PDB file of N, CA and C in Angstrom:
ATOM      1  N   MET A   1      22.421  51.756 -35.033  1.00  0.00           N
ATOM      2  CA  MET A   1      23.146  50.842 -35.869  1.00  0.00           C
ATOM      3  C   MET A   1      24.906  51.385 -36.238  1.00  0.00           C
ATOM      4  N   ASN A   2      25.556  50.690 -36.154  1.00  0.00           N
ATOM      5  CA  ASN A   2      26.809  50.721 -36.416  1.00  0.00           C
ATOM      6  C   ASN A   2      27.202  50.804 -38.324  1.00  0.00           C
ATOM      7  N   ARG A   3      27.934  52.008 -38.783  1.00  0.00           N
ATOM      8  CA  ARG A   3      27.796  52.711 -39.852  1.00  0.00           C
ATOM      9  C   ARG A   3      28.401  51.128 -41.014  1.00  0.00           C
ATOM     10  N   PHE A   4      28.655  50.048 -40.292  1.00  0.00           N
ATOM     11  CA  PHE A   4      29.366  49.042 -40.932  1.00  0.00           C
ATOM     12  C   PHE A   4      28.269  47.627 -41.058  1.00  0.00           C
ATOM     13  N   ASP A   5      26.966  48.340 -40.524  1.00  0.00           N
ATOM     14  CA  ASP A   5      25.908  46.954 -40.646  1.00  0.00           C
ATOM     15  C   ASP A   5      25.027  47.278 -41.644  1.00  0.00           C
ATOM     16  N   ILE A   6      24.737  46.250 -42.379  1.00  0.00           N
ATOM     17  CA  ILE A   6      23.926  46.125 -43.511  1.00  0.00           C
ATOM     18  C   ILE A   6      22.953  45.385 -43.619  1.00  0.00           C
ATOM     19  N   GLU A   7      22.014  46.112 -43.738  1.00  0.00           N
ATOM     20  CA  GLU A   7      20.583  45.130 -43.683  1.00  0.00           C
ATOM     21  C   GLU A   7      20.485  44.689 -45.107  1.00  0.00           C
ATOM     22  N   THR A   8      20.164  43.215 -45.261  1.00  0.00           N
ATOM     23  CA  THR A   8      19.652  42.629 -46.158  1.00  0.00           C
ATOM     24  C   THR A   8      18.289  41.471 -46.275  1.00  0.00           C
ATOM     25  N   LYS A   9      17.825  41.313 -47.281  1.00  0.00           N
ATOM     26  CA  LYS A   9      16.806  40.602 -47.413  1.00  0.00           C
ATOM     27  C   LYS A   9      17.100  39.230 -46.554  1.00  0.00           C
ATOM     28  N   LEU A  10      17.839  38.850 -46.113  1.00  0.00           N
ATOM     29  CA  LEU A  10      18.578  37.621 -46.060  1.00  0.00           C
ATOM     30  C   LEU A  10      18.922  37.824 -43.991  1.00  0.00           C
ATOM     31  N   GLY A  11      19.063  39.279 -43.944  1.00  0.00           N
ATOM     32  CA  GLY A  11      19.466  39.383 -42.490  1.00  0.00           C
ATOM     33  C   GLY A  11      20.655  40.602 -42.232  1.00  0.00           C
ATOM     34  N   ASN A  12      21.401  40.658 -41.244  1.00  0.00           N
ATOM     35  CA  ASN A  12      22.255  41.985 -41.026  1.00  0.00           C
ATOM     36  C   ASN A  12      23.609  41.294 -41.116  1.00  0.00           C
ATOM     37  N   ILE A  13      24.365  42.203 -41.875  1.00  0.00           N
ATOM     38  CA  ILE A  13      25.718  41.958 -42.250  1.00  0.00           C
ATOM     39  C   ILE A  13      26.526  42.804 -41.510  1.00  0.00           C
ATOM     40  N   HIS A  14      27.415  42.726 -40.533  1.00  0.00           N
ATOM     41  CA  HIS A  14      28.087  43.328 -39.823  1.00  0.00           C
ATOM     42  C   HIS A  14      29.743  43.532 -40.440  1.00  0.00           C
ATOM     43  N   PHE A  15      30.542  44.174 -40.689  1.00  0.00           N
ATOM     44  CA  PHE A  15      31.764  44.114 -41.298  1.00  0.00           C
ATOM     45  C   PHE A  15      32.596  44.845 -40.049  1.00  0.00           C
ATOM     46  N   SER A  16      33.361  44.311 -39.408  1.00  0.00           N
ATOM     47  CA  SER A  16      34.105  44.955 -38.180  1.00  0.00           C
ATOM     48  C   SER A  16      35.298  45.562 -38.548  1.00  0.00           C
ATOM     49  N   HIS A  17      35.885  46.232 -37.631  1.00  0.00           N
ATOM     50  CA  HIS A  17      37.077  47.040 -37.836  1.00  0.00           C
ATOM     51  C   HIS A  17      38.622  46.456 -38.295  1.00  0.00           C
ATOM     52  N   ASN A  18      38.458  45.078 -37.726  1.00  0.00           N
ATOM     53  CA  ASN A  18      39.339  44.055 -38.678  1.00  0.00           C
ATOM     54  C   ASN A  18      39.493  43.990 -40.078  1.00  0.00           C
ATOM     55  N   ILE A  19      38.117  44.272 -40.746  1.00  0.00           N
ATOM     56  CA  ILE A  19      37.983  44.526 -41.830  1.00  0.00           C
ATOM     57  C   ILE A  19      39.111  45.336 -42.485  1.00  0.00           C
ATOM     58  N   ILE A  20      39.070  46.902 -42.090  1.00  0.00           N
ATOM     59  CA  ILE A  20      40.129  47.756 -42.234  1.00  0.00           C
ATOM     60  C   ILE A  20      41.259  47.385 -42.281  1.00  0.00           C
ATOM     61  N   ASN A  21      41.764  46.664 -41.314  1.00  0.00           N
ATOM     62  CA  ASN A  21      42.998  46.025 -40.823  1.00  0.00           C
ATOM     63  C   ASN A  21      43.700  45.186 -41.728  1.00  0.00           C
ATOM     64  N   ARG A  22      42.325  44.431 -42.379  1.00  0.00           N
ATOM     65  CA  ARG A  22      42.947  43.438 -43.537  1.00  0.00           C
ATOM     66  C   ARG A  22      43.562  44.462 -44.939  1.00  0.00           C
ATOM     67  N   ILE A  23      41.909  45.314 -45.447  1.00  0.00           N
ATOM     68  CA  ILE A  23      42.403  46.164 -46.441  1.00  0.00           C
ATOM     69  C   ILE A  23      43.402  46.834 -46.311  1.00  0.00           C
ATOM     70  N   ALA A  24      43.737  47.371 -45.082  1.00  0.00           N
ATOM     71  CA  ALA A  24      45.577  47.797 -45.229  1.00  0.00           C
ATOM     72  C   ALA A  24      46.464  46.952 -45.297  1.00  0.00           C
ATOM     73  N   GLU A  25      46.386  46.005 -44.550  1.00  0.00           N
ATOM     74  CA  GLU A  25      47.315  45.116 -44.901  1.00  0.00           C
ATOM     75  C   GLU A  25      47.680  44.530 -46.173  1.00  0.00           C
ATOM     76  N   ASN A  26      46.522  44.360 -47.033  1.00  0.00           N
ATOM     77  CA  ASN A  26      46.776  43.359 -48.468  1.00  0.00           C
ATOM     78  C   ASN A  26      47.294  44.599 -49.339  1.00  0.00           C
ATOM     79  N   ALA A  27      46.971  46.054 -48.923  1.00  0.00           N
ATOM     80  CA  ALA A  27      47.456  46.983 -49.702  1.00  0.00           C
ATOM     81  C   ALA A  27      49.215  47.057 -49.668  1.00  0.00           C
ATOM     82  N   ILE A  28      49.665  46.748 -48.067  1.00  0.00           N
ATOM     83  CA  ILE A  28      51.372  47.020 -48.397  1.00  0.00           C
ATOM     84  C   ILE A  28      51.510  45.385 -48.614  1.00  0.00           C
ATOM     85  N   ALA A  29      51.393  44.321 -48.611  1.00  0.00           N
ATOM     86  CA  ALA A  29      51.822  43.002 -49.512  1.00  0.00           C
ATOM     87  C   ALA A  29      51.438  43.343 -50.621  1.00  0.00           C
ATOM     88  N   GLU A  30      50.898  44.008 -51.647  1.00  0.00           N
ATOM     89  CA  GLU A  30      51.041  44.249 -52.976  1.00  0.00           C
ATOM     90  C   GLU A  30      52.368  44.973 -53.433  1.00  0.00           C
ATOM     91  N   CYS A  31      53.232  45.149 -52.240  1.00  0.00           N
ATOM     92  CA  CYS A  31      54.469  46.509 -51.976  1.00  0.00           C
ATOM     93  C   CYS A  31      55.541  45.526 -52.503  1.00  0.00           C
ATOM     94  N   ASP A  32      55.222  44.561 -52.818  1.00  0.00           N
ATOM     95  CA  ASP A  32      56.640  43.399 -52.829  1.00  0.00           C
ATOM     96  C   ASP A  32      57.567  43.317 -51.579  1.00  0.00           C
ATOM     97  N   GLY A  33      56.886  42.965 -50.271  1.00  0.00           N
ATOM     98  CA  GLY A  33      58.385  43.161 -49.265  1.00  0.00           C
ATOM     99  C   GLY A  33      59.211  44.491 -49.230  1.00  0.00           C
ATOM    100  N   LYS A  34      58.685  45.755 -49.870  1.00  0.00           N
ATOM    101  CA  LYS A  34      59.438  47.075 -49.824  1.00  0.00           C
ATOM    102  C   LYS A  34      59.184  47.928 -48.436  1.00  0.00           C
ATOM    103  N   VAL A  35      57.533  47.433 -47.996  1.00  0.00           N
ATOM    104  CA  VAL A  35      57.061  48.321 -46.570  1.00  0.00           C
ATOM    105  C   VAL A  35      56.659  47.037 -45.710  1.00  0.00           C
ATOM    106  N   LEU A  36      57.045  47.646 -44.557  1.00  0.00           N
ATOM    107  CA  LEU A  36      56.395  47.043 -43.487  1.00  0.00           C
ATOM    108  C   LEU A  36      55.452  47.596 -42.757  1.00  0.00           C
ATOM    109  N   LEU A  37      54.545  47.025 -42.154  1.00  0.00           N
ATOM    110  CA  LEU A  37      53.138  48.009 -41.103  1.00  0.00           C
ATOM    111  C   LEU A  37      54.010  47.605 -39.901  1.00  0.00           C
ATOM    112  N   GLN A  38      54.270  48.962 -39.262  1.00  0.00           N
ATOM    113  CA  GLN A  38      54.389  49.674 -37.500  1.00  0.00           C
ATOM    114  C   GLN A  38      53.329  50.199 -37.323  1.00  0.00           C
ATOM    115  N   ASN A  39      53.268  49.882 -35.888  1.00  0.00           N
ATOM    116  CA  ASN A  39      52.750  50.793 -35.050  1.00  0.00           C
ATOM    117  C   ASN A  39      53.067  51.890 -34.840  1.00  0.00           C
ATOM    118  N   TYR A  40      52.024  52.987 -34.114  1.00  0.00           N
ATOM    119  CA  TYR A  40      52.528  54.219 -33.902  1.00  0.00           C
ATOM    120  C   TYR A  40      53.615  54.320 -32.854  1.00  0.00           C
ATOM    121  N   ARG A  41      53.568  52.832 -31.963  1.00  0.00           N
ATOM    122  CA  ARG A  41      54.692  52.912 -30.554  1.00  0.00           C
ATOM    123  C   ARG A  41      56.291  52.703 -31.371  1.00  0.00           C
ATOM    124  N   GLY A  42      55.976  52.047 -32.796  1.00  0.00           N
ATOM    125  CA  GLY A  42      57.217  51.465 -33.285  1.00  0.00           C
ATOM    126  C   GLY A  42      57.611  49.967 -33.138  1.00  0.00           C
ATOM    127  N   GLY A  43      56.756  49.409 -32.897  1.00  0.00           N
ATOM    128  CA  GLY A  43      56.362  47.664 -33.064  1.00  0.00           C
ATOM    129  C   GLY A  43      56.644  47.255 -34.706  1.00  0.00           C
ATOM    130  N   LEU A  44      57.433  46.733 -35.111  1.00  0.00           N
ATOM    131  CA  LEU A  44      56.985  46.021 -36.466  1.00  0.00           C
ATOM    132  C   LEU A  44      55.771  44.738 -37.059  1.00  0.00           C
ATOM    133  N   ASN A  45      55.447  44.959 -37.765  1.00  0.00           N
ATOM    134  CA  ASN A  45      54.340  44.074 -37.812  1.00  0.00           C
ATOM    135  C   ASN A  45      53.222  43.662 -36.892  1.00  0.00           C
ATOM    136  N   ALA A  46      53.117  44.913 -36.166  1.00  0.00           N
ATOM    137  CA  ALA A  46      51.729  45.027 -35.215  1.00  0.00           C
ATOM    138  C   ALA A  46      50.849  45.781 -35.926  1.00  0.00           C
ATOM    139  N   PRO A  47      49.717  45.758 -35.247  1.00  0.00           N
ATOM    140  CA  PRO A  47      48.540  46.609 -36.024  1.00  0.00           C
ATOM    141  C   PRO A  47      48.796  47.957 -36.110  1.00  0.00           C
ATOM    142  N   GLY A  48      49.257  48.277 -37.145  1.00  0.00           N
ATOM    143  CA  GLY A  48      49.568  49.622 -37.558  1.00  0.00           C
ATOM    144  C   GLY A  48      48.666  50.382 -38.549  1.00  0.00           C
ATOM    145  N   VAL A  49      47.236  50.190 -37.868  1.00  0.00           N
ATOM    146  CA  VAL A  49      46.265  50.842 -38.730  1.00  0.00           C
ATOM    147  C   VAL A  49      45.319  51.484 -37.682  1.00  0.00           C
ATOM    148  N   GLU A  50      44.930  52.642 -37.616  1.00  0.00           N
ATOM    149  CA  GLU A  50      44.015  53.826 -37.015  1.00  0.00           C
ATOM    150  C   GLU A  50      42.706  53.688 -37.879  1.00  0.00           C
ATOM    151  N   PHE A  51      41.517  53.711 -37.496  1.00  0.00           N
ATOM    152  CA  PHE A  51      40.779  53.656 -37.947  1.00  0.00           C
ATOM    153  C   PHE A  51      39.446  54.480 -36.918  1.00  0.00           C
ATOM    154  N   ILE A  52      39.214  55.590 -37.600  1.00  0.00           N
ATOM    155  CA  ILE A  52      38.297  56.519 -37.092  1.00  0.00           C
ATOM    156  C   ILE A  52      36.814  56.350 -37.690  1.00  0.00           C
ATOM    157  N   GLU A  53      35.874  56.597 -37.029  1.00  0.00           N
ATOM    158  CA  GLU A  53      34.274  57.215 -37.542  1.00  0.00           C
ATOM    159  C   GLU A  53      34.369  58.476 -37.338  1.00  0.00           C
ATOM    160  N   THR A  54      33.875  59.084 -38.186  1.00  0.00           N
ATOM    161  CA  THR A  54      33.363  60.552 -38.435  1.00  0.00           C
ATOM    162  C   THR A  54      31.691  60.485 -38.349  1.00  0.00           C
ATOM    163  N   GLU A  55      31.028  61.769 -38.433  1.00  0.00           N
ATOM    164  CA  GLU A  55      29.767  62.184 -38.720  1.00  0.00           C
ATOM    165  C   GLU A  55      29.235  61.927 -40.228  1.00  0.00           C
ATOM    166  N   ASN A  56      30.442  62.052 -41.210  1.00  0.00           N
ATOM    167  CA  ASN A  56      30.418  61.658 -42.439  1.00  0.00           C
ATOM    168  C   ASN A  56      30.995  60.500 -43.193  1.00  0.00           C
ATOM    169  N   GLY A  57      31.631  59.681 -42.480  1.00  0.00           N
ATOM    170  CA  GLY A  57      32.012  58.543 -42.628  1.00  0.00           C
ATOM    171  C   GLY A  57      33.177  58.058 -41.902  1.00  0.00           C
ATOM    172  N   PHE A  58      34.312  57.338 -42.275  1.00  0.00           N
ATOM    173  CA  PHE A  58      35.368  56.966 -41.726  1.00  0.00           C
ATOM    174  C   PHE A  58      36.887  57.164 -42.447  1.00  0.00           C
ATOM    175  N   ARG A  59      37.714  57.524 -41.374  1.00  0.00           N
ATOM    176  CA  ARG A  59      39.377  58.019 -42.061  1.00  0.00           C
ATOM    177  C   ARG A  59      40.302  56.506 -41.634  1.00  0.00           C
ATOM    178  N   ILE A  60      41.085  56.749 -42.386  1.00  0.00           N
ATOM    179  CA  ILE A  60      41.944  55.599 -42.316  1.00  0.00           C
ATOM    180  C   ILE A  60      43.409  56.040 -41.686  1.00  0.00           C
ATOM    181  N   LYS A  61      44.697  55.854 -40.823  1.00  0.00           N
ATOM    182  CA  LYS A  61      45.715  55.918 -40.901  1.00  0.00           C
ATOM    183  C   LYS A  61      46.379  54.668 -40.766  1.00  0.00           C
ATOM    184  N   VAL A  62      47.809  55.021 -41.288  1.00  0.00           N
ATOM    185  CA  VAL A  62      48.359  53.540 -41.717  1.00  0.00           C
ATOM    186  C   VAL A  62      49.776  53.811 -41.421  1.00  0.00           C
ATOM    187  N   TYR A  63      50.612  53.429 -40.173  1.00  0.00           N
ATOM    188  CA  TYR A  63      52.202  53.370 -40.020  1.00  0.00           C
ATOM    189  C   TYR A  63      52.537  52.514 -40.603  1.00  0.00           C
ATOM    190  N   ILE A  64      53.702  53.292 -41.723  1.00  0.00           N
ATOM    191  CA  ILE A  64      54.724  52.247 -42.175  1.00  0.00           C
ATOM    192  C   ILE A  64      56.256  52.484 -42.067  1.00  0.00           C
ATOM    193  N   VAL A  65      57.300  51.464 -42.058  1.00  0.00           N
ATOM    194  CA  VAL A  65      58.456  51.649 -42.498  1.00  0.00           C
ATOM    195  C   VAL A  65      58.582  51.482 -43.962  1.00  0.00           C
ATOM    196  N   ILE A  66      59.233  52.197 -44.939  1.00  0.00           N
ATOM    197  CA  ILE A  66      59.914  51.452 -45.856  1.00  0.00           C
ATOM    198  C   ILE A  66      60.849  51.323 -45.913  1.00  0.00           C
ATOM    199  N   LYS A  67      61.488  50.473 -47.009  1.00  0.00           N
ATOM    200  CA  LYS A  67      62.813  50.305 -47.308  1.00  0.00           C
ATOM    201  C   LYS A  67      63.647  51.222 -48.428  1.00  0.00           C
ATOM    202  N   PHE A  68      64.724  51.166 -47.783  1.00  0.00           N
ATOM    203  CA  PHE A  68      65.893  52.526 -48.451  1.00  0.00           C
ATOM    204  C   PHE A  68      65.972  52.167 -50.079  1.00  0.00           C
ATOM    205  N   GLY A  69      65.597  53.226 -50.749  1.00  0.00           N
ATOM    206  CA  GLY A  69      65.374  52.945 -52.199  1.00  0.00           C
ATOM    207  C   GLY A  69      64.398  53.062 -52.607  1.00  0.00           C
ATOM    208  N   THR A  70      63.666  52.752 -51.796  1.00  0.00           N
ATOM    209  CA  THR A  70      62.179  52.554 -52.668  1.00  0.00           C
ATOM    210  C   THR A  70      61.244  54.302 -52.553  1.00  0.00           C
ATOM    211  N   SER A  71      60.993  54.546 -53.454  1.00  0.00           N
ATOM    212  CA  SER A  71      59.947  55.633 -53.918  1.00  0.00           C
ATOM    213  C   SER A  71      59.008  56.044 -52.523  1.00  0.00           C
ATOM    214  N   ILE A  72      59.052  56.721 -51.923  1.00  0.00           N
ATOM    215  CA  ILE A  72      58.421  56.985 -50.981  1.00  0.00           C
ATOM    216  C   ILE A  72      56.601  57.528 -51.515  1.00  0.00           C
ATOM    217  N   LYS A  73      57.090  58.624 -52.503  1.00  0.00           N
ATOM    218  CA  LYS A  73      55.846  58.921 -53.404  1.00  0.00           C
ATOM    219  C   LYS A  73      55.190  57.855 -54.000  1.00  0.00           C
ATOM    220  N   GLN A  74      55.349  56.723 -54.746  1.00  0.00           N
ATOM    221  CA  GLN A  74      54.869  56.131 -55.525  1.00  0.00           C
ATOM    222  C   GLN A  74      54.050  55.145 -54.313  1.00  0.00           C
ATOM    223  N   THR A  75      55.194  54.552 -53.835  1.00  0.00           N
ATOM    224  CA  THR A  75      54.784  53.665 -52.733  1.00  0.00           C
ATOM    225  C   THR A  75      53.699  53.838 -51.937  1.00  0.00           C
ATOM    226  N   THR A  76      53.492  55.023 -51.395  1.00  0.00           N
ATOM    227  CA  THR A  76      52.525  56.025 -50.645  1.00  0.00           C
ATOM    228  C   THR A  76      51.107  55.641 -51.647  1.00  0.00           C
ATOM    229  N   SER A  77      51.308  56.397 -52.815  1.00  0.00           N
ATOM    230  CA  SER A  77      50.173  56.326 -53.474  1.00  0.00           C
ATOM    231  C   SER A  77      49.716  55.153 -53.936  1.00  0.00           C
ATOM    232  N   LYS A  78      50.563  54.132 -54.330  1.00  0.00           N
ATOM    233  CA  LYS A  78      49.729  52.674 -54.522  1.00  0.00           C
ATOM    234  C   LYS A  78      49.351  52.185 -52.721  1.00  0.00           C
ATOM    235  N   ILE A  79      49.546  52.754 -51.969  1.00  0.00           N
ATOM    236  CA  ILE A  79      49.229  51.754 -50.811  1.00  0.00           C
ATOM    237  C   ILE A  79      47.151  52.827 -50.285  1.00  0.00           C
ATOM    238  N   ILE A  80      47.454  53.927 -50.523  1.00  0.00           N
ATOM    239  CA  ILE A  80      46.673  55.131 -50.479  1.00  0.00           C
ATOM    240  C   ILE A  80      45.372  54.408 -51.956  1.00  0.00           C
ATOM    241  N   ASP A  81      45.926  54.276 -53.205  1.00  0.00           N
ATOM    242  CA  ASP A  81      45.317  53.727 -54.131  1.00  0.00           C
ATOM    243  C   ASP A  81      44.330  52.466 -53.978  1.00  0.00           C
ATOM    244  N   SER A  82      45.125  51.430 -53.526  1.00  0.00           N
ATOM    245  CA  SER A  82      44.328  50.651 -52.986  1.00  0.00           C
ATOM    246  C   SER A  82      43.529  50.130 -51.757  1.00  0.00           C
ATOM    247  N   ILE A  83      43.710  51.096 -50.519  1.00  0.00           N
ATOM    248  CA  ILE A  83      42.820  51.185 -50.009  1.00  0.00           C
ATOM    249  C   ILE A  83      41.154  51.917 -50.186  1.00  0.00           C
ATOM    250  N   TYR A  84      41.623  52.834 -51.317  1.00  0.00           N
ATOM    251  CA  TYR A  84      40.151  53.284 -51.377  1.00  0.00           C
ATOM    252  C   TYR A  84      39.517  52.440 -52.334  1.00  0.00           C
ATOM    253  N   GLU A  85      39.979  51.986 -53.035  1.00  0.00           N
ATOM    254  CA  GLU A  85      39.557  50.675 -54.047  1.00  0.00           C
ATOM    255  C   GLU A  85      38.747  49.682 -53.426  1.00  0.00           C
ATOM    256  N   ASN A  86      39.645  49.148 -52.210  1.00  0.00           N
ATOM    257  CA  ASN A  86      39.073  47.702 -51.883  1.00  0.00           C
ATOM    258  C   ASN A  86      38.186  48.303 -50.790  1.00  0.00           C
ATOM    259  N   ALA A  87      38.490  49.336 -50.293  1.00  0.00           N
ATOM    260  CA  ALA A  87      37.500  49.653 -49.371  1.00  0.00           C
ATOM    261  C   ALA A  87      35.889  49.740 -49.718  1.00  0.00           C
ATOM    262  N   GLU A  88      35.909  50.784 -50.922  1.00  0.00           N
ATOM    263  CA  GLU A  88      34.711  50.731 -51.469  1.00  0.00           C
ATOM    264  C   GLU A  88      33.801  49.286 -52.112  1.00  0.00           C
ATOM    265  N   LYS A  89      34.787  48.491 -52.707  1.00  0.00           N
ATOM    266  CA  LYS A  89      34.546  47.460 -52.731  1.00  0.00           C
ATOM    267  C   LYS A  89      33.938  46.679 -51.998  1.00  0.00           C
ATOM    268  N   ILE A  90      34.570  46.377 -50.639  1.00  0.00           N
ATOM    269  CA  ILE A  90      34.247  45.766 -49.603  1.00  0.00           C
ATOM    270  C   ILE A  90      33.133  46.138 -48.943  1.00  0.00           C
ATOM    271  N   LEU A  91      33.533  47.682 -48.386  1.00  0.00           N
ATOM    272  CA  LEU A  91      31.954  48.272 -47.956  1.00  0.00           C
ATOM    273  C   LEU A  91      31.137  48.973 -48.404  1.00  0.00           C
ATOM    274  N   GLY A  92      31.262  49.268 -49.440  1.00  0.00           N
ATOM    275  CA  GLY A  92      30.131  49.755 -49.890  1.00  0.00           C
ATOM    276  C   GLY A  92      30.646  51.747 -49.886  1.00  0.00           C
ATOM    277  N   GLU A  93      31.855  52.137 -49.232  1.00  0.00           N
ATOM    278  CA  GLU A  93      31.932  53.099 -49.201  1.00  0.00           C
ATOM    279  C   GLU A  93      33.568  53.674 -49.061  1.00  0.00           C
ATOM    280  N   LYS A  94      34.010  54.607 -49.864  1.00  0.00           N
ATOM    281  CA  LYS A  94      35.148  55.107 -49.886  1.00  0.00           C
ATOM    282  C   LYS A  94      35.404  55.956 -48.512  1.00  0.00           C
ATOM    283  N   PRO A  95      36.476  55.837 -47.731  1.00  0.00           N
ATOM    284  CA  PRO A  95      36.943  56.411 -46.830  1.00  0.00           C
ATOM    285  C   PRO A  95      37.269  57.921 -46.621  1.00  0.00           C
ATOM    286  N   GLU A  96      36.657  59.039 -46.340  1.00  0.00           N
ATOM    287  CA  GLU A  96      36.446  60.237 -46.570  1.00  0.00           C
ATOM    288  C   GLU A  96      38.274  60.911 -46.397  1.00  0.00           C
ATOM    289  N   LYS A  97      39.155  60.158 -45.779  1.00  0.00           N
ATOM    290  CA  LYS A  97      40.641  60.571 -45.616  1.00  0.00           C
ATOM    291  C   LYS A  97      41.473  59.326 -45.224  1.00  0.00           C
ATOM    292  N   ILE A  98      42.581  58.994 -46.067  1.00  0.00           N
ATOM    293  CA  ILE A  98      43.311  58.033 -45.798  1.00  0.00           C
ATOM    294  C   ILE A  98      44.780  58.765 -45.560  1.00  0.00           C
ATOM    295  N   LYS A  99      45.512  58.541 -44.575  1.00  0.00           N
ATOM    296  CA  LYS A  99      46.719  59.147 -43.675  1.00  0.00           C
ATOM    297  C   LYS A  99      47.725  57.796 -44.019  1.00  0.00           C
ATOM    298  N   VAL A 100      48.775  57.996 -44.898  1.00  0.00           N
ATOM    299  CA  VAL A 100      50.127  56.856 -44.990  1.00  0.00           C
ATOM    300  C   VAL A 100      50.969  57.642 -44.175  1.00  0.00           C
ATOM    301  N   ILE A 101      51.567  57.463 -42.902  1.00  0.00           N
ATOM    302  CA  ILE A 101      52.753  57.820 -41.993  1.00  0.00           C
ATOM    303  C   ILE A 101      53.867  57.114 -41.895  1.00  0.00           C
ATOM    304  N   VAL A 102      55.002  57.494 -42.782  1.00  0.00           N
ATOM    305  CA  VAL A 102      56.028  56.934 -42.706  1.00  0.00           C
ATOM    306  C   VAL A 102      57.004  56.925 -41.578  1.00  0.00           C
ATOM    307  N   THR A 103      56.747  56.170 -40.809  1.00  0.00           N
ATOM    308  CA  THR A 103      57.950  56.172 -40.023  1.00  0.00           C
ATOM    309  C   THR A 103      59.504  55.971 -39.666  1.00  0.00           C
ATOM    310  N   GLY A 104      59.892  55.546 -40.916  1.00  0.00           N
ATOM    311  CA  GLY A 104      61.040  55.113 -40.602  1.00  0.00           C
ATOM    312  C   GLY A 104      61.649  54.624 -42.099  1.00  0.00           C
ATOM    313  N   VAL A 105      62.773  54.493 -42.414  1.00  0.00           N
ATOM    314  CA  VAL A 105      63.219  54.170 -43.536  1.00  0.00           C
ATOM    315  C   VAL A 105      64.531  53.060 -43.062  1.00  0.00           C
ATOM    316  N   ALA A 106      64.303  51.888 -43.760  1.00  0.00           N
ATOM    317  CA  ALA A 106      65.339  50.691 -43.151  1.00  0.00           C
ATOM    318  C   ALA A 106      66.260  50.343 -44.024  1.00  0.00           C
ATOM    319  N   SER A 107      67.266  50.463 -43.559  1.00  0.00           N
ATOM    320  CA  SER A 107      68.274  49.449 -44.324  1.00  0.00           C
ATOM    321  C   SER A 107      68.892  48.543 -43.561  1.00  0.00           C
ATOM    322  N   LYS A 108      70.065  48.773 -43.001  1.00  0.00           N
ATOM    323  CA  LYS A 108      70.446  47.987 -41.354  1.00  0.00           C
ATOM    324  C   LYS A 108      69.818  48.069 -40.279  1.00  0.00           C
ATOM    325  N   ASN A 109      69.421  49.201 -40.239  1.00  0.00           N
ATOM    326  CA  ASN A 109      69.042  49.636 -39.365  1.00  0.00           C
ATOM    327  C   ASN A 109      68.016  50.750 -39.658  1.00  0.00           C
ATOM    328  N   ILE A 110      67.282  50.874 -38.707  1.00  0.00           N
ATOM    329  CA  ILE A 110      65.529  51.959 -39.228  1.00  0.00           C
ATOM    330  C   ILE A 110      66.261  53.103 -38.815  1.00  0.00           C
ATOM    331  N   ALA A 111      66.066  54.242 -39.560  1.00  0.00           N
ATOM    332  CA  ALA A 111      66.192  55.654 -39.657  1.00  0.00           C
ATOM    333  C   ALA A 111      64.859  56.476 -39.391  1.00  0.00           C
ATOM    334  N   ARG A 112      64.433  56.828 -38.242  1.00  0.00           N
ATOM    335  CA  ARG A 112      63.498  57.435 -37.806  1.00  0.00           C
ATOM    336  C   ARG A 112      62.804  58.094 -38.856  1.00  0.00           C
ATOM    337  N   ARG A 113      62.062  58.686 -39.186  1.00  0.00           N
ATOM    338  CA  ARG A 113      61.238  59.633 -40.042  1.00  0.00           C
ATOM    339  C   ARG A 113      60.030  59.915 -39.613  1.00  0.00           C
ATOM    340  N   HIS A 114      59.471  60.816 -40.218  1.00  0.00           N
ATOM    341  CA  HIS A 114      57.809  61.273 -39.522  1.00  0.00           C
ATOM    342  C   HIS A 114      57.404  61.995 -41.139  1.00  0.00           C
ATOM    343  N   ILE A 115      57.163  61.215 -42.089  1.00  0.00           N
ATOM    344  CA  ILE A 115      56.467  61.623 -43.362  1.00  0.00           C
ATOM    345  C   ILE A 115      54.853  61.232 -43.665  1.00  0.00           C
ATOM    346  N   GLU A 116      54.152  62.272 -43.926  1.00  0.00           N
ATOM    347  CA  GLU A 116      52.943  61.920 -43.453  1.00  0.00           C
ATOM    348  C   GLU A 116      52.160  62.447 -44.879  1.00  0.00           C
ATOM    349  N   VAL A 117      51.668  61.384 -45.711  1.00  0.00           N
ATOM    350  CA  VAL A 117      50.972  61.618 -47.136  1.00  0.00           C
ATOM    351  C   VAL A 117      49.496  61.087 -46.652  1.00  0.00           C
ATOM    352  N   ILE A 118      48.927  62.447 -47.571  1.00  0.00           N
ATOM    353  CA  ILE A 118      47.413  62.178 -47.243  1.00  0.00           C
ATOM    354  C   ILE A 118      46.586  61.959 -48.941  1.00  0.00           C
ATOM    355  N   GLY A 119      46.029  61.142 -48.745  1.00  0.00           N
ATOM    356  CA  GLY A 119      45.492  60.698 -50.060  1.00  0.00           C
ATOM    357  C   GLY A 119      43.748  60.993 -49.796  1.00  0.00           C
TER     358      GLY A 119
END
């Protein structure tokens, strides 16, 4: 049984990995347009969420570009907190680790960066 299959009296419920993507996308949407989801290859607004199942639970990596002048620490903390909270509400379990990777800072162009924030 997949760790995200839940048995109830009425039947089985399956949570797909797309649920994790949606949780991360919603956390980024809460940042009022100051953050863009980016995949690890550099494509903006492409799936920038990696989901890794482990023996003890699961881990999430989120790749983002942050707009110039935005606090990296505050913004990444807000994203991490939101993902933890919503994953527990929806899946009934918190991720064992969340890593937000800032791949760039956007102004007129995107300045490439690689900043990892682990929560």
